[in-house]
Amino acid sequence: MTTYRIFHMPGACSRVVMNALCELQIPFDDTAVNIFRGEQRTPAYLALNPKGKVPALQVGDQVLTEAVAILMLLNEQNPGQLLPLVPDPVVRAQHLADLIWCSNTLHGVARSIFMPVRIAPGAEAAVREAGTAQLTSIVPDIEHRLGDGWWHGEIWSITDVYISWCLGVAAAGGFDLGAHPALVAHTERVRSRPSFERALDREKQALERHGIQLPPGARL
């Protein structure tokens, strides 16, 4: 039987992968990596993941990194449970493109708003301002796509979790998400799913178990 262990930081983007594991009801162990104490740069963790990031997923005796790659593996192993099951390869590629957009674009914009010091120490105000302007230009398209449902219409997908996480990080950095009630409602829908609640509970346990203190403004 294949065993799974996720290396994660509570509240970080690794939550999306943990949510996927919980959605699929895959038994897994978890190890918290306190990125605010630099644990991702320790020799022990770099031996596991030379990129020095979370998440990393140990699958048996192999380790896979990068959230989108992990999600695609889990989706391949469990067709139709994380992303819509469609026969058209172009549509499937678009589903992947949406996840890559979350990782490459939306994630970076949110990070620039929440923690600009990690991008450009000494120029935090300018970085946050640029990130806010960029997200402000993106938000109308996200609102239009979501409407009062999910990214894929009536079907929940892990893309919804990634989008919600990015917007939550931006809000923690001061972005006025309250001015966009459709996005607030979408986040509430994401957080109300049983799989999200299970993932959140695992994160809370990890915080307590490892004595991790989240930075100001951050919340699970």
C-alpha atoms as a PDB file:
ATOM      1  CA  MET A   1       0.000   0.000   0.000  1.00  0.00           C
ATOM      2  CA  THR A   2       1.364   3.414  -0.976  1.00  0.00           C
ATOM      3  CA  THR A   3       1.985   5.772   1.926  1.00  0.00           C
ATOM      4  CA  TYR A   4       1.711   9.553   1.750  1.00  0.00           C
ATOM      5  CA  ARG A   5       3.301  12.279   3.835  1.00  0.00           C
ATOM      6  CA  ILE A   6       2.886  15.986   3.157  1.00  0.00           C
ATOM      7  CA  PHE A   7       5.492  18.504   4.272  1.00  0.00           C
ATOM      8  CA  HIS A   8       3.584  21.731   4.790  1.00  0.00           C
ATOM      9  CA  MET A   9       3.277  25.048   6.558  1.00  0.00           C
ATOM     10  CA  PRO A  10      -0.115  25.777   8.118  1.00  0.00           C
ATOM     11  CA  GLY A  11      -1.775  28.607   6.238  1.00  0.00           C
ATOM     12  CA  ALA A  12       0.634  28.399   3.280  1.00  0.00           C
ATOM     13  CA  CYS A  13      -0.208  27.211  -0.241  1.00  0.00           C
ATOM     14  CA  SER A  14       0.454  23.666   0.932  1.00  0.00           C
ATOM     15  CA  ARG A  15      -3.099  23.874   2.283  1.00  0.00           C
ATOM     16  CA  VAL A  16      -4.364  23.345  -1.268  1.00  0.00           C
ATOM     17  CA  VAL A  17      -2.598  19.986  -1.499  1.00  0.00           C
ATOM     18  CA  MET A  18      -3.721  19.006   1.986  1.00  0.00           C
ATOM     19  CA  ASN A  19      -7.299  19.891   1.008  1.00  0.00           C
ATOM     20  CA  ALA A  20      -6.928  17.646  -2.044  1.00  0.00           C
ATOM     21  CA  LEU A  21      -5.739  14.735   0.107  1.00  0.00           C
ATOM     22  CA  CYS A  22      -8.682  15.266   2.450  1.00  0.00           C
ATOM     23  CA  GLU A  23     -11.124  15.534  -0.461  1.00  0.00           C
ATOM     24  CA  LEU A  24      -9.865  12.214  -1.801  1.00  0.00           C
ATOM     25  CA  GLN A  25      -9.939  10.725   1.715  1.00  0.00           C
ATOM     26  CA  ILE A  26      -6.406   9.461   1.282  1.00  0.00           C
ATOM     27  CA  PRO A  27      -4.796   8.500   4.600  1.00  0.00           C
ATOM     28  CA  PHE A  28      -1.667  10.588   5.062  1.00  0.00           C
ATOM     29  CA  ASP A  29       0.828  11.780   7.624  1.00  0.00           C
ATOM     30  CA  ASP A  30       1.974  15.366   7.821  1.00  0.00           C
ATOM     31  CA  THR A  31       5.112  17.176   8.913  1.00  0.00           C
ATOM     32  CA  ALA A  32       5.014  20.925   9.480  1.00  0.00           C
ATOM     33  CA  VAL A  33       7.923  23.007   8.174  1.00  0.00           C
ATOM     34  CA  ASN A  34       8.084  26.386   9.920  1.00  0.00           C
ATOM     35  CA  ILE A  35       9.143  28.635   7.055  1.00  0.00           C
ATOM     36  CA  PHE A  36       9.217  31.670   9.351  1.00  0.00           C
ATOM     37  CA  ARG A  37      12.011  30.035  11.332  1.00  0.00           C
ATOM     38  CA  GLY A  38      13.853  28.993   8.201  1.00  0.00           C
ATOM     39  CA  GLU A  39      13.213  25.269   8.608  1.00  0.00           C
ATOM     40  CA  GLN A  40      12.817  24.971   4.837  1.00  0.00           C
ATOM     41  CA  ARG A  41      16.528  25.783   4.521  1.00  0.00           C
ATOM     42  CA  THR A  42      17.838  23.223   7.003  1.00  0.00           C
ATOM     43  CA  PRO A  43      20.108  20.470   5.638  1.00  0.00           C
ATOM     44  CA  ALA A  44      17.542  17.837   6.587  1.00  0.00           C
ATOM     45  CA  TYR A  45      14.749  19.449   4.607  1.00  0.00           C
ATOM     46  CA  LEU A  46      16.954  20.407   1.656  1.00  0.00           C
ATOM     47  CA  ALA A  47      18.013  16.766   1.415  1.00  0.00           C
ATOM     48  CA  LEU A  48      14.324  15.961   0.962  1.00  0.00           C
ATOM     49  CA  ASN A  49      13.437  18.972  -1.203  1.00  0.00           C
ATOM     50  CA  PRO A  50      16.433  20.902  -2.597  1.00  0.00           C
ATOM     51  CA  LYS A  51      14.072  23.689  -3.695  1.00  0.00           C
ATOM     52  CA  GLY A  52      13.546  24.602  -0.043  1.00  0.00           C
ATOM     53  CA  LYS A  53       9.813  25.150  -0.382  1.00  0.00           C
ATOM     54  CA  VAL A  54       6.501  23.708   0.705  1.00  0.00           C
ATOM     55  CA  PRO A  55       4.606  21.666  -0.173  1.00  0.00           C
ATOM     56  CA  ALA A  56       6.439  18.450  -0.788  1.00  0.00           C
ATOM     57  CA  LEU A  57       4.612  15.149  -0.967  1.00  0.00           C
ATOM     58  CA  GLN A  58       6.347  11.897  -0.151  1.00  0.00           C
ATOM     59  CA  VAL A  59       4.686   9.094  -2.084  1.00  0.00           C
ATOM     60  CA  GLY A  60       6.138   5.832  -0.921  1.00  0.00           C
ATOM     61  CA  ASP A  61       9.889   6.332  -1.225  1.00  0.00           C
ATOM     62  CA  GLN A  62       9.616   9.157  -3.791  1.00  0.00           C
ATOM     63  CA  VAL A  63       9.210  12.879  -3.178  1.00  0.00           C
ATOM     64  CA  LEU A  64       7.264  15.190  -5.461  1.00  0.00           C
ATOM     65  CA  THR A  65       7.460  18.974  -5.222  1.00  0.00           C
ATOM     66  CA  GLU A  66       5.514  21.912  -6.690  1.00  0.00           C
ATOM     67  CA  ALA A  67       1.833  22.167  -5.785  1.00  0.00           C
ATOM     68  CA  VAL A  68       0.487  21.921  -9.333  1.00  0.00           C
ATOM     69  CA  ALA A  69       2.556  18.804 -10.109  1.00  0.00           C
ATOM     70  CA  ILE A  70       1.334  17.174  -6.904  1.00  0.00           C
ATOM     71  CA  LEU A  71      -2.272  18.067  -7.695  1.00  0.00           C
ATOM     72  CA  MET A  72      -1.965  16.642 -11.202  1.00  0.00           C
ATOM     73  CA  LEU A  73      -0.580  13.383  -9.818  1.00  0.00           C
ATOM     74  CA  LEU A  74      -3.449  13.091  -7.356  1.00  0.00           C
ATOM     75  CA  ASN A  75      -5.946  13.951 -10.078  1.00  0.00           C
ATOM     76  CA  GLU A  76      -4.445  11.323 -12.392  1.00  0.00           C
ATOM     77  CA  GLN A  77      -4.705   8.744  -9.632  1.00  0.00           C
ATOM     78  CA  ASN A  78      -8.301   9.781  -8.877  1.00  0.00           C
ATOM     79  CA  PRO A  79      -9.876  10.923 -12.169  1.00  0.00           C
ATOM     80  CA  GLY A  80     -12.741  13.367 -11.919  1.00  0.00           C
ATOM     81  CA  GLN A  81     -12.449  14.016  -8.194  1.00  0.00           C
ATOM     82  CA  LEU A  82     -10.222  17.106  -8.165  1.00  0.00           C
ATOM     83  CA  LEU A  83     -10.885  18.434 -11.661  1.00  0.00           C
ATOM     84  CA  PRO A  84     -13.814  17.829 -14.011  1.00  0.00           C
ATOM     85  CA  LEU A  85     -13.495  14.623 -16.011  1.00  0.00           C
ATOM     86  CA  VAL A  86     -13.655  15.560 -19.690  1.00  0.00           C
ATOM     87  CA  PRO A  87     -12.681  13.665 -22.873  1.00  0.00           C
ATOM     88  CA  ASP A  88     -11.369  16.681 -24.786  1.00  0.00           C
ATOM     89  CA  PRO A  89      -7.569  16.945 -24.313  1.00  0.00           C
ATOM     90  CA  VAL A  90      -7.630  20.673 -25.045  1.00  0.00           C
ATOM     91  CA  VAL A  91     -10.147  21.259 -22.269  1.00  0.00           C
ATOM     92  CA  ARG A  92      -8.064  19.125 -19.909  1.00  0.00           C
ATOM     93  CA  ALA A  93      -5.035  21.233 -20.809  1.00  0.00           C
ATOM     94  CA  GLN A  94      -7.042  24.364 -20.030  1.00  0.00           C
ATOM     95  CA  HIS A  95      -7.852  22.980 -16.594  1.00  0.00           C
ATOM     96  CA  LEU A  96      -4.116  22.541 -16.052  1.00  0.00           C
ATOM     97  CA  ALA A  97      -3.498  26.050 -17.394  1.00  0.00           C
ATOM     98  CA  ASP A  98      -5.901  27.455 -14.807  1.00  0.00           C
ATOM     99  CA  LEU A  99      -3.957  25.790 -11.992  1.00  0.00           C
ATOM    100  CA  ILE A 100      -0.665  27.031 -13.424  1.00  0.00           C
ATOM    101  CA  TRP A 101      -2.149  30.533 -13.573  1.00  0.00           C
ATOM    102  CA  CYS A 102      -3.037  30.247  -9.887  1.00  0.00           C
ATOM    103  CA  SER A 103       0.524  29.196  -9.083  1.00  0.00           C
ATOM    104  CA  ASN A 104       2.468  31.481 -11.426  1.00  0.00           C
ATOM    105  CA  THR A 105       0.347  34.637 -11.415  1.00  0.00           C
ATOM    106  CA  LEU A 106      -2.315  34.856  -8.722  1.00  0.00           C
ATOM    107  CA  HIS A 107      -0.094  33.358  -6.023  1.00  0.00           C
ATOM    108  CA  GLY A 108       2.719  35.812  -6.726  1.00  0.00           C
ATOM    109  CA  VAL A 109       0.410  38.810  -6.744  1.00  0.00           C
ATOM    110  CA  ALA A 110      -1.121  37.794  -3.414  1.00  0.00           C
ATOM    111  CA  ARG A 111       2.331  37.245  -1.912  1.00  0.00           C
ATOM    112  CA  SER A 112       3.457  40.701  -3.016  1.00  0.00           C
ATOM    113  CA  ILE A 113       0.520  42.218  -1.129  1.00  0.00           C
ATOM    114  CA  PHE A 114       0.843  40.147   2.026  1.00  0.00           C
ATOM    115  CA  MET A 115       4.603  39.918   2.427  1.00  0.00           C
ATOM    116  CA  PRO A 116       6.346  42.386   0.082  1.00  0.00           C
ATOM    117  CA  VAL A 117       9.475  42.366   2.255  1.00  0.00           C
ATOM    118  CA  ARG A 118      10.287  38.884   0.944  1.00  0.00           C
ATOM    119  CA  ILE A 119      10.223  40.222  -2.602  1.00  0.00           C
ATOM    120  CA  ALA A 120      11.996  43.578  -2.271  1.00  0.00           C
ATOM    121  CA  PRO A 121      13.297  44.506   1.198  1.00  0.00           C
ATOM    122  CA  GLY A 122      13.232  48.272   1.571  1.00  0.00           C
ATOM    123  CA  ALA A 123      10.644  48.764  -1.171  1.00  0.00           C
ATOM    124  CA  GLU A 124       7.680  47.132   0.539  1.00  0.00           C
ATOM    125  CA  ALA A 125       5.216  49.973  -0.071  1.00  0.00           C
ATOM    126  CA  ALA A 126       5.891  50.064  -3.796  1.00  0.00           C
ATOM    127  CA  VAL A 127       5.657  46.281  -4.127  1.00  0.00           C
ATOM    128  CA  ARG A 128       2.391  46.145  -2.200  1.00  0.00           C
ATOM    129  CA  GLU A 129       0.958  48.994  -4.260  1.00  0.00           C
ATOM    130  CA  ALA A 130       1.894  47.299  -7.525  1.00  0.00           C
ATOM    131  CA  GLY A 131       0.446  43.986  -6.350  1.00  0.00           C
ATOM    132  CA  THR A 132      -2.781  45.644  -5.263  1.00  0.00           C
ATOM    133  CA  ALA A 133      -3.134  47.361  -8.627  1.00  0.00           C
ATOM    134  CA  GLN A 134      -2.518  44.099 -10.461  1.00  0.00           C
ATOM    135  CA  LEU A 135      -5.027  42.149  -8.372  1.00  0.00           C
ATOM    136  CA  THR A 136      -7.595  44.928  -8.763  1.00  0.00           C
ATOM    137  CA  SER A 137      -7.343  44.489 -12.532  1.00  0.00           C
ATOM    138  CA  ILE A 138      -7.698  40.684 -12.259  1.00  0.00           C
ATOM    139  CA  VAL A 139     -10.585  40.500  -9.793  1.00  0.00           C
ATOM    140  CA  PRO A 140     -13.414  41.445 -12.207  1.00  0.00           C
ATOM    141  CA  ASP A 141     -12.579  38.464 -14.448  1.00  0.00           C
ATOM    142  CA  ILE A 142     -12.511  36.124 -11.446  1.00  0.00           C
ATOM    143  CA  GLU A 143     -15.870  37.461 -10.238  1.00  0.00           C
ATOM    144  CA  HIS A 144     -17.390  37.037 -13.683  1.00  0.00           C
ATOM    145  CA  ARG A 145     -16.101  33.478 -14.001  1.00  0.00           C
ATOM    146  CA  LEU A 146     -17.281  32.420 -10.545  1.00  0.00           C
ATOM    147  CA  GLY A 147     -20.672  34.104 -10.484  1.00  0.00           C
ATOM    148  CA  ASP A 148     -22.525  32.447  -7.622  1.00  0.00           C
ATOM    149  CA  GLY A 149     -21.001  29.028  -8.291  1.00  0.00           C
ATOM    150  CA  TRP A 150     -17.616  27.449  -8.806  1.00  0.00           C
ATOM    151  CA  TRP A 151     -14.747  27.996 -11.236  1.00  0.00           C
ATOM    152  CA  HIS A 152     -16.183  25.179 -13.343  1.00  0.00           C
ATOM    153  CA  GLY A 153     -19.809  26.219 -12.969  1.00  0.00           C
ATOM    154  CA  GLU A 154     -21.754  23.792 -10.815  1.00  0.00           C
ATOM    155  CA  ILE A 155     -18.741  21.551 -10.166  1.00  0.00           C
ATOM    156  CA  TRP A 156     -16.316  22.167  -7.276  1.00  0.00           C
ATOM    157  CA  SER A 157     -12.660  21.673  -8.146  1.00  0.00           C
ATOM    158  CA  ILE A 158      -9.332  22.066  -6.417  1.00  0.00           C
ATOM    159  CA  THR A 159      -8.867  25.210  -8.518  1.00  0.00           C
ATOM    160  CA  ASP A 160     -11.518  26.845  -6.331  1.00  0.00           C
ATOM    161  CA  VAL A 161      -9.413  26.109  -3.271  1.00  0.00           C
ATOM    162  CA  TYR A 162      -6.282  27.597  -4.823  1.00  0.00           C
ATOM    163  CA  ILE A 163      -8.108  30.764  -5.919  1.00  0.00           C
ATOM    164  CA  SER A 164      -9.689  31.162  -2.496  1.00  0.00           C
ATOM    165  CA  TRP A 165      -6.336  30.699  -0.783  1.00  0.00           C
ATOM    166  CA  CYS A 166      -4.671  33.351  -2.970  1.00  0.00           C
ATOM    167  CA  LEU A 167      -7.438  35.866  -2.341  1.00  0.00           C
ATOM    168  CA  GLY A 168      -7.337  35.154   1.383  1.00  0.00           C
ATOM    169  CA  VAL A 169      -3.601  35.860   1.478  1.00  0.00           C
ATOM    170  CA  ALA A 170      -4.153  39.134  -0.368  1.00  0.00           C
ATOM    171  CA  ALA A 171      -6.904  40.085   2.085  1.00  0.00           C
ATOM    172  CA  ALA A 172      -4.563  39.356   5.000  1.00  0.00           C
ATOM    173  CA  GLY A 173      -2.173  41.851   3.415  1.00  0.00           C
ATOM    174  CA  GLY A 174      -4.814  44.562   3.275  1.00  0.00           C
ATOM    175  CA  PHE A 175      -6.590  43.963  -0.037  1.00  0.00           C
ATOM    176  CA  ASP A 176     -10.260  44.909   0.402  1.00  0.00           C
ATOM    177  CA  LEU A 177     -11.923  41.604  -0.401  1.00  0.00           C
ATOM    178  CA  GLY A 178     -15.072  42.849   1.330  1.00  0.00           C
ATOM    179  CA  ALA A 179     -15.667  45.123  -1.653  1.00  0.00           C
ATOM    180  CA  HIS A 180     -16.250  41.976  -3.716  1.00  0.00           C
ATOM    181  CA  PRO A 181     -19.151  40.071  -2.107  1.00  0.00           C
ATOM    182  CA  ALA A 182     -19.132  37.366  -4.794  1.00  0.00           C
ATOM    183  CA  LEU A 183     -15.555  36.474  -3.867  1.00  0.00           C
ATOM    184  CA  VAL A 184     -16.362  36.523  -0.156  1.00  0.00           C
ATOM    185  CA  ALA A 185     -19.295  34.167  -0.807  1.00  0.00           C
ATOM    186  CA  HIS A 186     -17.055  31.885  -2.874  1.00  0.00           C
ATOM    187  CA  THR A 187     -14.523  31.686  -0.052  1.00  0.00           C
ATOM    188  CA  GLU A 188     -17.304  30.800   2.364  1.00  0.00           C
ATOM    189  CA  ARG A 189     -18.426  28.002   0.053  1.00  0.00           C
ATOM    190  CA  VAL A 190     -14.884  26.659  -0.179  1.00  0.00           C
ATOM    191  CA  ARG A 191     -14.381  26.763   3.575  1.00  0.00           C
ATOM    192  CA  SER A 192     -17.722  25.089   4.305  1.00  0.00           C
ATOM    193  CA  ARG A 193     -16.836  21.859   2.514  1.00  0.00           C
ATOM    194  CA  PRO A 194     -16.036  18.912   4.806  1.00  0.00           C
ATOM    195  CA  SER A 195     -12.681  18.302   3.109  1.00  0.00           C
ATOM    196  CA  PHE A 196     -11.590  21.879   3.798  1.00  0.00           C
ATOM    197  CA  GLU A 197     -12.661  21.575   7.420  1.00  0.00           C
ATOM    198  CA  ARG A 198     -10.616  18.385   7.781  1.00  0.00           C
ATOM    199  CA  ALA A 199      -7.564  20.045   6.236  1.00  0.00           C
ATOM    200  CA  LEU A 200      -7.978  23.070   8.479  1.00  0.00           C
ATOM    201  CA  ASP A 201      -8.173  20.842  11.539  1.00  0.00           C
ATOM    202  CA  ARG A 202      -4.907  19.136  10.516  1.00  0.00           C
ATOM    203  CA  GLU A 203      -3.267  22.552  10.192  1.00  0.00           C
ATOM    204  CA  LYS A 204      -4.501  23.625  13.619  1.00  0.00           C
ATOM    205  CA  GLN A 205      -3.117  20.430  15.133  1.00  0.00           C
ATOM    206  CA  ALA A 206       0.230  21.074  13.416  1.00  0.00           C
ATOM    207  CA  LEU A 207       0.395  24.627  14.797  1.00  0.00           C
ATOM    208  CA  GLU A 208      -0.156  23.359  18.305  1.00  0.00           C
ATOM    209  CA  ARG A 209       2.122  20.337  17.937  1.00  0.00           C
ATOM    210  CA  HIS A 210       5.053  22.386  16.615  1.00  0.00           C
ATOM    211  CA  GLY A 211       4.409  25.605  18.547  1.00  0.00           C
ATOM    212  CA  ILE A 212       4.246  27.664  15.356  1.00  0.00           C
ATOM    213  CA  GLN A 213       3.280  31.331  15.567  1.00  0.00           C
ATOM    214  CA  LEU A 214       1.762  32.820  12.435  1.00  0.00           C
ATOM    215  CA  PRO A 215       2.902  36.309  11.347  1.00  0.00           C
ATOM    216  CA  PRO A 216       0.708  39.365  12.097  1.00  0.00           C
ATOM    217  CA  GLY A 217      -2.394  39.470   9.941  1.00  0.00           C
ATOM    218  CA  ALA A 218      -2.243  35.806   8.979  1.00  0.00           C
ATOM    219  CA  ARG A 219      -5.023  33.422   9.881  1.00  0.00           C
ATOM    220  CA  LEU A 220      -5.923  29.864   9.093  1.00  0.00           C
END
